[in-house]
């Protein structure tokens, strides 16, 4: 991050900035810490934090590069695959349950 110019940072998505921050930090950070750092880096008004933190959190939950462990976001690559649990909903099961309820 230190080698990037402000213009380079402005061209990155919040998720990409998060990845770089966590890579540099070498430890997990909570959602508010991460988003506040992004707002500071981009020199955005602090009011953005309250308005957009929910969307930011949702975006992180959808990105496979990140894991949410013990209340902190970290890079999934730092954890052995047997320690990371990914919940995948089986659509077929849901359809079968709905069909059983109809009968």
PDB file of N, CA and C in Angstrom:
ATOM      1  N   UNK A   1       0.831  -1.200   0.000  1.00  0.00           N
ATOM      2  CA  UNK A   1       0.000   0.000   0.000  1.00  0.00           C
ATOM      3  C   UNK A   1       0.868   1.254   0.000  1.00  0.00           C
ATOM      4  N   UNK A   2       1.982   1.178   0.674  1.00  0.00           N
ATOM      5  CA  UNK A   2       2.817   2.367   0.805  1.00  0.00           C
ATOM      6  C   UNK A   2       3.393   2.821  -0.529  1.00  0.00           C
ATOM      7  N   UNK A   3       3.528   1.877  -1.467  1.00  0.00           N
ATOM      8  CA  UNK A   3       4.106   2.210  -2.765  1.00  0.00           C
ATOM      9  C   UNK A   3       3.072   2.770  -3.739  1.00  0.00           C
ATOM     10  N   UNK A   4       1.807   2.641  -3.394  1.00  0.00           N
ATOM     11  CA  UNK A   4       0.747   3.119  -4.282  1.00  0.00           C
ATOM     12  C   UNK A   4       0.514   4.612  -4.114  1.00  0.00           C
ATOM     13  N   UNK A   5       0.226   5.254  -5.223  1.00  0.00           N
ATOM     14  CA  UNK A   5      -0.122   6.671  -5.159  1.00  0.00           C
ATOM     15  C   UNK A   5      -1.595   6.797  -4.778  1.00  0.00           C
ATOM     16  N   UNK A   6      -1.998   7.991  -4.419  1.00  0.00           N
ATOM     17  CA  UNK A   6      -3.411   8.230  -4.091  1.00  0.00           C
ATOM     18  C   UNK A   6      -4.293   7.896  -5.290  1.00  0.00           C
ATOM     19  N   UNK A   7      -3.822   8.229  -6.480  1.00  0.00           N
ATOM     20  CA  UNK A   7      -4.587   7.936  -7.698  1.00  0.00           C
ATOM     21  C   UNK A   7      -4.729   6.417  -7.894  1.00  0.00           C
ATOM     22  N   UNK A   8      -3.660   5.671  -7.632  1.00  0.00           N
ATOM     23  CA  UNK A   8      -3.726   4.207  -7.732  1.00  0.00           C
ATOM     24  C   UNK A   8      -4.774   3.656  -6.767  1.00  0.00           C
ATOM     25  N   UNK A   9      -4.779   4.153  -5.545  1.00  0.00           N
ATOM     26  CA  UNK A   9      -5.717   3.697  -4.523  1.00  0.00           C
ATOM     27  C   UNK A   9      -7.151   4.041  -4.915  1.00  0.00           C
ATOM     28  N   UNK A  10      -7.348   5.226  -5.471  1.00  0.00           N
ATOM     29  CA  UNK A  10      -8.692   5.647  -5.893  1.00  0.00           C
ATOM     30  C   UNK A  10      -9.257   4.754  -6.992  1.00  0.00           C
ATOM     31  N   UNK A  11      -8.391   4.120  -7.761  1.00  0.00           N
ATOM     32  CA  UNK A  11      -8.834   3.247  -8.847  1.00  0.00           C
ATOM     33  C   UNK A  11      -9.138   1.817  -8.390  1.00  0.00           C
ATOM     34  N   UNK A  12      -8.884   1.520  -7.136  1.00  0.00           N
ATOM     35  CA  UNK A  12      -9.150   0.194  -6.592  1.00  0.00           C
ATOM     36  C   UNK A  12     -10.543   0.143  -5.967  1.00  0.00           C
ATOM     37  N   UNK A  13     -11.121  -1.044  -5.931  1.00  0.00           N
ATOM     38  CA  UNK A  13     -12.397  -1.221  -5.226  1.00  0.00           C
ATOM     39  C   UNK A  13     -12.118  -1.279  -3.721  1.00  0.00           C
ATOM     40  N   UNK A  14     -13.160  -1.105  -2.928  1.00  0.00           N
ATOM     41  CA  UNK A  14     -13.013  -1.217  -1.481  1.00  0.00           C
ATOM     42  C   UNK A  14     -12.486  -2.598  -1.100  1.00  0.00           C
ATOM     43  N   UNK A  15     -12.944  -3.631  -1.817  1.00  0.00           N
ATOM     44  CA  UNK A  15     -12.499  -4.999  -1.517  1.00  0.00           C
ATOM     45  C   UNK A  15     -11.017  -5.177  -1.832  1.00  0.00           C
ATOM     46  N   UNK A  16     -10.558  -4.587  -2.919  1.00  0.00           N
ATOM     47  CA  UNK A  16      -9.136  -4.688  -3.262  1.00  0.00           C
ATOM     48  C   UNK A  16      -8.270  -3.925  -2.261  1.00  0.00           C
ATOM     49  N   UNK A  17      -8.747  -2.778  -1.822  1.00  0.00           N
ATOM     50  CA  UNK A  17      -8.014  -2.029  -0.790  1.00  0.00           C
ATOM     51  C   UNK A  17      -7.977  -2.844   0.498  1.00  0.00           C
ATOM     52  N   UNK A  18      -9.089  -3.481   0.840  1.00  0.00           N
ATOM     53  CA  UNK A  18      -9.145  -4.321   2.032  1.00  0.00           C
ATOM     54  C   UNK A  18      -8.112  -5.433   1.943  1.00  0.00           C
ATOM     55  N   UNK A  19      -8.034  -6.072   0.787  1.00  0.00           N
ATOM     56  CA  UNK A  19      -7.051  -7.145   0.597  1.00  0.00           C
ATOM     57  C   UNK A  19      -5.638  -6.628   0.865  1.00  0.00           C
ATOM     58  N   UNK A  20      -5.300  -5.497   0.289  1.00  0.00           N
ATOM     59  CA  UNK A  20      -3.962  -4.926   0.473  1.00  0.00           C
ATOM     60  C   UNK A  20      -3.708  -4.528   1.925  1.00  0.00           C
ATOM     61  N   UNK A  21      -4.717  -3.961   2.579  1.00  0.00           N
ATOM     62  CA  UNK A  21      -4.566  -3.582   3.993  1.00  0.00           C
ATOM     63  C   UNK A  21      -4.305  -4.807   4.862  1.00  0.00           C
ATOM     64  N   UNK A  22      -5.080  -5.859   4.655  1.00  0.00           N
ATOM     65  CA  UNK A  22      -4.904  -7.069   5.460  1.00  0.00           C
ATOM     66  C   UNK A  22      -3.575  -7.756   5.165  1.00  0.00           C
ATOM     67  N   UNK A  23      -3.163  -7.717   3.920  1.00  0.00           N
ATOM     68  CA  UNK A  23      -1.874  -8.299   3.534  1.00  0.00           C
ATOM     69  C   UNK A  23      -0.745  -7.567   4.257  1.00  0.00           C
ATOM     70  N   UNK A  24      -0.848  -6.258   4.311  1.00  0.00           N
ATOM     71  CA  UNK A  24       0.166  -5.429   4.952  1.00  0.00           C
ATOM     72  C   UNK A  24       0.115  -5.556   6.479  1.00  0.00           C
ATOM     73  N   UNK A  25      -1.075  -5.633   7.031  1.00  0.00           N
ATOM     74  CA  UNK A  25      -1.276  -5.669   8.481  1.00  0.00           C
ATOM     75  C   UNK A  25      -0.841  -6.999   9.091  1.00  0.00           C
ATOM     76  N   UNK A  26      -1.019  -8.083   8.351  1.00  0.00           N
ATOM     77  CA  UNK A  26      -0.649  -9.432   8.800  1.00  0.00           C
ATOM     78  C   UNK A  26      -1.465  -9.924   9.987  1.00  0.00           C
ATOM     79  N   UNK A  27      -2.631  -9.325  10.190  1.00  0.00           N
ATOM     80  CA  UNK A  27      -3.560  -9.794  11.226  1.00  0.00           C
ATOM     81  C   UNK A  27      -4.963  -9.343  10.841  1.00  0.00           C
ATOM     82  N   UNK A  28      -5.951  -9.950  11.462  1.00  0.00           N
ATOM     83  CA  UNK A  28      -7.327  -9.595  11.175  1.00  0.00           C
ATOM     84  C   UNK A  28      -7.736  -8.268  11.792  1.00  0.00           C
ATOM     85  N   UNK A  29      -8.707  -7.630  11.155  1.00  0.00           N
ATOM     86  CA  UNK A  29      -9.256  -6.367  11.652  1.00  0.00           C
ATOM     87  C   UNK A  29     -10.778  -6.430  11.552  1.00  0.00           C
ATOM     88  N   UNK A  30     -11.452  -5.715  12.436  1.00  0.00           N
ATOM     89  CA  UNK A  30     -12.913  -5.729  12.362  1.00  0.00           C
ATOM     90  C   UNK A  30     -13.396  -4.803  11.240  1.00  0.00           C
ATOM     91  N   UNK A  31     -14.657  -4.921  10.933  1.00  0.00           N
ATOM     92  CA  UNK A  31     -15.245  -4.199   9.805  1.00  0.00           C
ATOM     93  C   UNK A  31     -15.059  -2.688   9.942  1.00  0.00           C
ATOM     94  N   UNK A  32     -15.325  -2.157  11.122  1.00  0.00           N
ATOM     95  CA  UNK A  32     -15.207  -0.708  11.324  1.00  0.00           C
ATOM     96  C   UNK A  32     -13.760  -0.234  11.146  1.00  0.00           C
ATOM     97  N   UNK A  33     -12.797  -0.976  11.688  1.00  0.00           N
ATOM     98  CA  UNK A  33     -11.385  -0.598  11.530  1.00  0.00           C
ATOM     99  C   UNK A  33     -10.999  -0.559  10.052  1.00  0.00           C
ATOM    100  N   UNK A  34     -11.383  -1.596   9.335  1.00  0.00           N
ATOM    101  CA  UNK A  34     -11.032  -1.658   7.919  1.00  0.00           C
ATOM    102  C   UNK A  34     -11.674  -0.517   7.122  1.00  0.00           C
ATOM    103  N   UNK A  35     -12.976  -0.341   7.305  1.00  0.00           N
ATOM    104  CA  UNK A  35     -13.670   0.669   6.507  1.00  0.00           C
ATOM    105  C   UNK A  35     -13.201   2.076   6.864  1.00  0.00           C
ATOM    106  N   UNK A  36     -12.907   2.318   8.124  1.00  0.00           N
ATOM    107  CA  UNK A  36     -12.388   3.630   8.535  1.00  0.00           C
ATOM    108  C   UNK A  36     -11.037   3.898   7.878  1.00  0.00           C
ATOM    109  N   UNK A  37     -10.194   2.889   7.809  1.00  0.00           N
ATOM    110  CA  UNK A  37      -8.894   3.064   7.144  1.00  0.00           C
ATOM    111  C   UNK A  37      -9.072   3.380   5.661  1.00  0.00           C
ATOM    112  N   UNK A  38     -10.028   2.715   5.030  1.00  0.00           N
ATOM    113  CA  UNK A  38     -10.291   2.985   3.609  1.00  0.00           C
ATOM    114  C   UNK A  38     -10.770   4.422   3.418  1.00  0.00           C
ATOM    115  N   UNK A  39     -11.699   4.845   4.249  1.00  0.00           N
ATOM    116  CA  UNK A  39     -12.221   6.218   4.177  1.00  0.00           C
ATOM    117  C   UNK A  39     -11.090   7.217   4.375  1.00  0.00           C
ATOM    118  N   UNK A  40     -10.201   6.947   5.319  1.00  0.00           N
ATOM    119  CA  UNK A  40      -9.061   7.842   5.559  1.00  0.00           C
ATOM    120  C   UNK A  40      -8.102   7.861   4.367  1.00  0.00           C
ATOM    121  N   UNK A  41      -7.824   6.677   3.810  1.00  0.00           N
ATOM    122  CA  UNK A  41      -6.920   6.606   2.654  1.00  0.00           C
ATOM    123  C   UNK A  41      -7.468   7.391   1.461  1.00  0.00           C
ATOM    124  N   UNK A  42      -8.746   7.272   1.252  1.00  0.00           N
ATOM    125  CA  UNK A  42      -9.383   7.947   0.116  1.00  0.00           C
ATOM    126  C   UNK A  42      -9.780   9.390   0.433  1.00  0.00           C
ATOM    127  N   UNK A  43      -9.537   9.791   1.665  1.00  0.00           N
ATOM    128  CA  UNK A  43      -9.867  11.141   2.134  1.00  0.00           C
ATOM    129  C   UNK A  43     -11.332  11.483   1.893  1.00  0.00           C
ATOM    130  N   UNK A  44     -12.186  10.522   2.238  1.00  0.00           N
ATOM    131  CA  UNK A  44     -13.633  10.706   2.123  1.00  0.00           C
ATOM    132  C   UNK A  44     -14.174  11.275   3.427  1.00  0.00           C
ATOM    133  N   UNK A  45     -15.344  11.892   3.403  1.00  0.00           N
ATOM    134  CA  UNK A  45     -15.931  12.400   4.649  1.00  0.00           C
ATOM    135  C   UNK A  45     -16.267  11.234   5.581  1.00  0.00           C
ATOM    136  N   UNK A  46     -16.066  11.438   6.868  1.00  0.00           N
ATOM    137  CA  UNK A  46     -16.333  10.397   7.867  1.00  0.00           C
ATOM    138  C   UNK A  46     -17.783   9.940   7.877  1.00  0.00           C
ATOM    139  N   UNK A  47     -18.691  10.765   7.409  1.00  0.00           N
ATOM    140  CA  UNK A  47     -20.111  10.391   7.371  1.00  0.00           C
ATOM    141  C   UNK A  47     -20.351   9.182   6.467  1.00  0.00           C
ATOM    142  N   UNK A  48     -19.446   8.942   5.537  1.00  0.00           N
ATOM    143  CA  UNK A  48     -19.546   7.791   4.631  1.00  0.00           C
ATOM    144  C   UNK A  48     -19.529   6.489   5.426  1.00  0.00           C
ATOM    145  N   UNK A  49     -18.788   6.465   6.516  1.00  0.00           N
ATOM    146  CA  UNK A  49     -18.674   5.245   7.316  1.00  0.00           C
ATOM    147  C   UNK A  49     -20.057   4.768   7.746  1.00  0.00           C
ATOM    148  N   UNK A  50     -20.840   5.646   8.336  1.00  0.00           N
ATOM    149  CA  UNK A  50     -22.175   5.265   8.800  1.00  0.00           C
ATOM    150  C   UNK A  50     -23.112   4.893   7.657  1.00  0.00           C
ATOM    151  N   UNK A  51     -22.973   5.568   6.530  1.00  0.00           N
ATOM    152  CA  UNK A  51     -23.886   5.354   5.411  1.00  0.00           C
ATOM    153  C   UNK A  51     -23.592   4.083   4.621  1.00  0.00           C
ATOM    154  N   UNK A  52     -22.314   3.703   4.529  1.00  0.00           N
ATOM    155  CA  UNK A  52     -21.952   2.621   3.608  1.00  0.00           C
ATOM    156  C   UNK A  52     -21.335   1.391   4.275  1.00  0.00           C
ATOM    157  N   UNK A  53     -21.198   1.379   5.585  1.00  0.00           N
ATOM    158  CA  UNK A  53     -20.528   0.251   6.226  1.00  0.00           C
ATOM    159  C   UNK A  53     -21.306  -1.058   6.054  1.00  0.00           C
ATOM    160  N   UNK A  54     -22.616  -0.983   6.015  1.00  0.00           N
ATOM    161  CA  UNK A  54     -23.425  -2.187   5.805  1.00  0.00           C
ATOM    162  C   UNK A  54     -23.181  -2.802   4.438  1.00  0.00           C
ATOM    163  N   UNK A  55     -23.134  -1.970   3.415  1.00  0.00           N
ATOM    164  CA  UNK A  55     -22.854  -2.458   2.057  1.00  0.00           C
ATOM    165  C   UNK A  55     -21.441  -3.034   1.968  1.00  0.00           C
ATOM    166  N   UNK A  56     -20.507  -2.375   2.647  1.00  0.00           N
ATOM    167  CA  UNK A  56     -19.118  -2.841   2.663  1.00  0.00           C
ATOM    168  C   UNK A  56     -19.041  -4.235   3.301  1.00  0.00           C
ATOM    169  N   UNK A  57     -19.707  -4.404   4.435  1.00  0.00           N
ATOM    170  CA  UNK A  57     -19.730  -5.698   5.116  1.00  0.00           C
ATOM    171  C   UNK A  57     -20.310  -6.782   4.189  1.00  0.00           C
ATOM    172  N   UNK A  58     -21.407  -6.470   3.538  1.00  0.00           N
ATOM    173  CA  UNK A  58     -22.034  -7.424   2.622  1.00  0.00           C
ATOM    174  C   UNK A  58     -21.082  -7.803   1.489  1.00  0.00           C
ATOM    175  N   UNK A  59     -20.389  -6.824   0.942  1.00  0.00           N
ATOM    176  CA  UNK A  59     -19.422  -7.099  -0.129  1.00  0.00           C
ATOM    177  C   UNK A  59     -18.316  -8.044   0.345  1.00  0.00           C
ATOM    178  N   UNK A  60     -17.834  -7.852   1.555  1.00  0.00           N
ATOM    179  CA  UNK A  60     -16.773  -8.718   2.073  1.00  0.00           C
ATOM    180  C   UNK A  60     -17.262 -10.149   2.261  1.00  0.00           C
ATOM    181  N   UNK A  61     -18.516 -10.303   2.683  1.00  0.00           N
ATOM    182  CA  UNK A  61     -19.039 -11.653   2.900  1.00  0.00           C
ATOM    183  C   UNK A  61     -19.133 -12.437   1.591  1.00  0.00           C
ATOM    184  N   UNK A  62     -19.246 -11.748   0.483  1.00  0.00           N
ATOM    185  CA  UNK A  62     -19.372 -12.397  -0.826  1.00  0.00           C
ATOM    186  C   UNK A  62     -18.025 -12.668  -1.496  1.00  0.00           C
ATOM    187  N   UNK A  63     -16.969 -12.086  -0.973  1.00  0.00           N
ATOM    188  CA  UNK A  63     -15.647 -12.216  -1.591  1.00  0.00           C
ATOM    189  C   UNK A  63     -14.896 -13.387  -0.962  1.00  0.00           C
ATOM    190  N   UNK A  64     -14.520 -14.346  -1.764  1.00  0.00           N
ATOM    191  CA  UNK A  64     -13.880 -15.578  -1.293  1.00  0.00           C
ATOM    192  C   UNK A  64     -12.460 -15.366  -0.764  1.00  0.00           C
ATOM    193  N   UNK A  65     -11.901 -14.186  -0.943  1.00  0.00           N
ATOM    194  CA  UNK A  65     -10.548 -13.933  -0.437  1.00  0.00           C
ATOM    195  C   UNK A  65     -10.518 -13.715   1.070  1.00  0.00           C
ATOM    196  N   UNK A  66     -11.695 -13.438   1.656  1.00  0.00           N
ATOM    197  CA  UNK A  66     -11.749 -13.056   3.059  1.00  0.00           C
ATOM    198  C   UNK A  66     -12.478 -14.091   3.919  1.00  0.00           C
ATOM    199  N   UNK A  67     -12.040 -14.172   5.166  1.00  0.00           N
ATOM    200  CA  UNK A  67     -12.708 -15.006   6.170  1.00  0.00           C
ATOM    201  C   UNK A  67     -13.049 -14.123   7.356  1.00  0.00           C
ATOM    202  N   UNK A  68     -14.189 -14.389   7.972  1.00  0.00           N
ATOM    203  CA  UNK A  68     -14.615 -13.654   9.159  1.00  0.00           C
ATOM    204  C   UNK A  68     -14.488 -14.616  10.329  1.00  0.00           C
ATOM    205  N   UNK A  69     -13.472 -14.393  11.150  1.00  0.00           N
ATOM    206  CA  UNK A  69     -13.156 -15.304  12.253  1.00  0.00           C
ATOM    207  C   UNK A  69     -13.028 -14.499  13.535  1.00  0.00           C
ATOM    208  N   UNK A  70     -13.776 -14.909  14.540  1.00  0.00           N
ATOM    209  CA  UNK A  70     -13.738 -14.245  15.854  1.00  0.00           C
ATOM    210  C   UNK A  70     -13.952 -12.740  15.756  1.00  0.00           C
ATOM    211  N   UNK A  71     -14.898 -12.332  14.914  1.00  0.00           N
ATOM    212  CA  UNK A  71     -15.253 -10.920  14.818  1.00  0.00           C
ATOM    213  C   UNK A  71     -14.306 -10.072  13.990  1.00  0.00           C
ATOM    214  N   UNK A  72     -13.360 -10.721  13.296  1.00  0.00           N
ATOM    215  CA  UNK A  72     -12.399  -9.966  12.497  1.00  0.00           C
ATOM    216  C   UNK A  72     -12.278 -10.561  11.106  1.00  0.00           C
ATOM    217  N   UNK A  73     -12.045  -9.677  10.149  1.00  0.00           N
ATOM    218  CA  UNK A  73     -11.796 -10.095   8.777  1.00  0.00           C
ATOM    219  C   UNK A  73     -10.320 -10.381   8.608  1.00  0.00           C
ATOM    220  N   UNK A  74     -10.025 -11.445   7.887  1.00  0.00           N
ATOM    221  CA  UNK A  74      -8.641 -11.780   7.585  1.00  0.00           C
ATOM    222  C   UNK A  74      -8.606 -12.442   6.217  1.00  0.00           C
ATOM    223  N   UNK A  75      -7.414 -12.662   5.724  1.00  0.00           N
ATOM    224  CA  UNK A  75      -7.267 -13.288   4.427  1.00  0.00           C
ATOM    225  C   UNK A  75      -7.439 -14.794   4.565  1.00  0.00           C
ATOM    226  N   UNK A  76      -8.278 -15.353   3.748  1.00  0.00           N
ATOM    227  CA  UNK A  76      -8.541 -16.795   3.783  1.00  0.00           C
ATOM    228  C   UNK A  76      -7.261 -17.587   3.554  1.00  0.00           C
ATOM    229  N   UNK A  77      -6.344 -17.053   2.757  1.00  0.00           N
ATOM    230  CA  UNK A  77      -5.100 -17.755   2.436  1.00  0.00           C
ATOM    231  C   UNK A  77      -4.228 -18.006   3.668  1.00  0.00           C
ATOM    232  N   UNK A  78      -4.490 -17.329   4.754  1.00  0.00           N
ATOM    233  CA  UNK A  78      -3.703 -17.522   5.978  1.00  0.00           C
ATOM    234  C   UNK A  78      -4.155 -18.719   6.806  1.00  0.00           C
ATOM    235  N   UNK A  79      -5.261 -19.320   6.442  1.00  0.00           N
ATOM    236  CA  UNK A  79      -5.831 -20.398   7.239  1.00  0.00           C
ATOM    237  C   UNK A  79      -5.856 -21.693   6.439  1.00  0.00           C
ATOM    238  N   UNK A  80      -5.480 -22.786   7.107  1.00  0.00           N
ATOM    239  CA  UNK A  80      -5.570 -24.083   6.412  1.00  0.00           C
ATOM    240  C   UNK A  80      -7.023 -24.349   6.023  1.00  0.00           C
ATOM    241  N   UNK A  81      -7.216 -24.980   4.912  1.00  0.00           N
ATOM    242  CA  UNK A  81      -8.568 -25.181   4.394  1.00  0.00           C
ATOM    243  C   UNK A  81      -9.446 -25.986   5.337  1.00  0.00           C
ATOM    244  N   UNK A  82      -8.863 -26.835   6.190  1.00  0.00           N
ATOM    245  CA  UNK A  82      -9.691 -27.611   7.106  1.00  0.00           C
ATOM    246  C   UNK A  82     -10.180 -26.779   8.288  1.00  0.00           C
ATOM    247  N   UNK A  83      -9.684 -25.561   8.439  1.00  0.00           N
ATOM    248  CA  UNK A  83     -10.109 -24.684   9.534  1.00  0.00           C
ATOM    249  C   UNK A  83     -11.168 -23.688   9.100  1.00  0.00           C
ATOM    250  N   UNK A  84     -11.346 -23.499   7.808  1.00  0.00           N
ATOM    251  CA  UNK A  84     -12.321 -22.544   7.296  1.00  0.00           C
ATOM    252  C   UNK A  84     -13.573 -23.306   6.888  1.00  0.00           C
ATOM    253  N   UNK A  85     -14.691 -22.919   7.459  1.00  0.00           N
ATOM    254  CA  UNK A  85     -15.952 -23.567   7.141  1.00  0.00           C
ATOM    255  C   UNK A  85     -16.745 -22.644   6.224  1.00  0.00           C
ATOM    256  N   UNK A  86     -17.110 -23.164   5.090  1.00  0.00           N
ATOM    257  CA  UNK A  86     -17.880 -22.383   4.124  1.00  0.00           C
ATOM    258  C   UNK A  86     -19.264 -22.998   4.066  1.00  0.00           C
ATOM    259  N   UNK A  87     -20.271 -22.223   4.391  1.00  0.00           N
ATOM    260  CA  UNK A  87     -21.642 -22.723   4.349  1.00  0.00           C
ATOM    261  C   UNK A  87     -22.177 -22.554   2.934  1.00  0.00           C
ATOM    262  N   UNK A  88     -22.540 -23.665   2.359  1.00  0.00           N
ATOM    263  CA  UNK A  88     -23.101 -23.661   1.020  1.00  0.00           C
ATOM    264  C   UNK A  88     -24.506 -24.220   1.130  1.00  0.00           C
ATOM    265  N   UNK A  89     -25.455 -23.456   0.682  1.00  0.00           N
ATOM    266  CA  UNK A  89     -26.838 -23.918   0.739  1.00  0.00           C
ATOM    267  C   UNK A  89     -27.119 -24.776  -0.479  1.00  0.00           C
ATOM    268  N   UNK A  90     -27.710 -25.905  -0.243  1.00  0.00           N
ATOM    269  CA  UNK A  90     -28.039 -26.822  -1.312  1.00  0.00           C
ATOM    270  C   UNK A  90     -29.446 -26.502  -1.808  1.00  0.00           C
ATOM    271  N   UNK A  91     -29.525 -25.963  -3.003  1.00  0.00           N
ATOM    272  CA  UNK A  91     -30.814 -25.559  -3.554  1.00  0.00           C
ATOM    273  C   UNK A  91     -31.722 -26.762  -3.786  1.00  0.00           C
ATOM    274  N   UNK A  92     -31.137 -27.910  -4.141  1.00  0.00           N
ATOM    275  CA  UNK A  92     -31.943 -29.112  -4.375  1.00  0.00           C
ATOM    276  C   UNK A  92     -32.681 -29.529  -3.109  1.00  0.00           C
ATOM    277  N   UNK A  93     -32.001 -29.449  -1.961  1.00  0.00           N
ATOM    278  CA  UNK A  93     -32.639 -29.794  -0.690  1.00  0.00           C
ATOM    279  C   UNK A  93     -33.815 -28.877  -0.407  1.00  0.00           C
ATOM    280  N   UNK A  94     -33.622 -27.587  -0.660  1.00  0.00           N
ATOM    281  CA  UNK A  94     -34.694 -26.624  -0.419  1.00  0.00           C
ATOM    282  C   UNK A  94     -35.895 -26.923  -1.299  1.00  0.00           C
ATOM    283  N   UNK A  95     -35.648 -27.262  -2.576  1.00  0.00           N
ATOM    284  CA  UNK A  95     -36.742 -27.576  -3.498  1.00  0.00           C
ATOM    285  C   UNK A  95     -37.480 -28.831  -3.041  1.00  0.00           C
ATOM    286  N   UNK A  96     -36.727 -29.857  -2.574  1.00  0.00           N
ATOM    287  CA  UNK A  96     -37.356 -31.092  -2.100  1.00  0.00           C
ATOM    288  C   UNK A  96     -38.225 -30.816  -0.889  1.00  0.00           C
ATOM    289  N   UNK A  97     -37.723 -29.983   0.020  1.00  0.00           N
ATOM    290  CA  UNK A  97     -38.511 -29.658   1.218  1.00  0.00           C
ATOM    291  C   UNK A  97     -39.791 -28.931   0.845  1.00  0.00           C
ATOM    292  N   UNK A  98     -39.717 -28.031  -0.118  1.00  0.00           N
ATOM    293  CA  UNK A  98     -40.893 -27.295  -0.540  1.00  0.00           C
ATOM    294  C   UNK A  98     -41.905 -28.232  -1.208  1.00  0.00           C
ATOM    295  N   UNK A  99     -41.417 -29.185  -2.007  1.00  0.00           N
ATOM    296  CA  UNK A  99     -42.300 -30.132  -2.671  1.00  0.00           C
ATOM    297  C   UNK A  99     -42.985 -31.014  -1.649  1.00  0.00           C
ATOM    298  N   UNK A 100     -42.278 -31.432  -0.598  1.00  0.00           N
ATOM    299  CA  UNK A 100     -42.865 -32.271   0.440  1.00  0.00           C
ATOM    300  C   UNK A 100     -43.973 -31.520   1.188  1.00  0.00           C
ATOM    301  N   UNK A 101     -43.757 -30.222   1.404  1.00  0.00           N
ATOM    302  CA  UNK A 101     -44.759 -29.436   2.106  1.00  0.00           C
ATOM    303  C   UNK A 101     -46.040 -29.305   1.295  1.00  0.00           C
ATOM    304  N   UNK A 102     -45.919 -29.251  -0.028  1.00  0.00           N
ATOM    305  CA  UNK A 102     -47.081 -29.090  -0.908  1.00  0.00           C
ATOM    306  C   UNK A 102     -47.925 -30.365  -0.922  1.00  0.00           C
ATOM    307  N   UNK A 103     -47.284 -31.522  -0.878  1.00  0.00           N
ATOM    308  CA  UNK A 103     -48.003 -32.792  -0.959  1.00  0.00           C
ATOM    309  C   UNK A 103     -48.802 -33.060   0.233  1.00  0.00           C
TER     310      UNK A 103
END
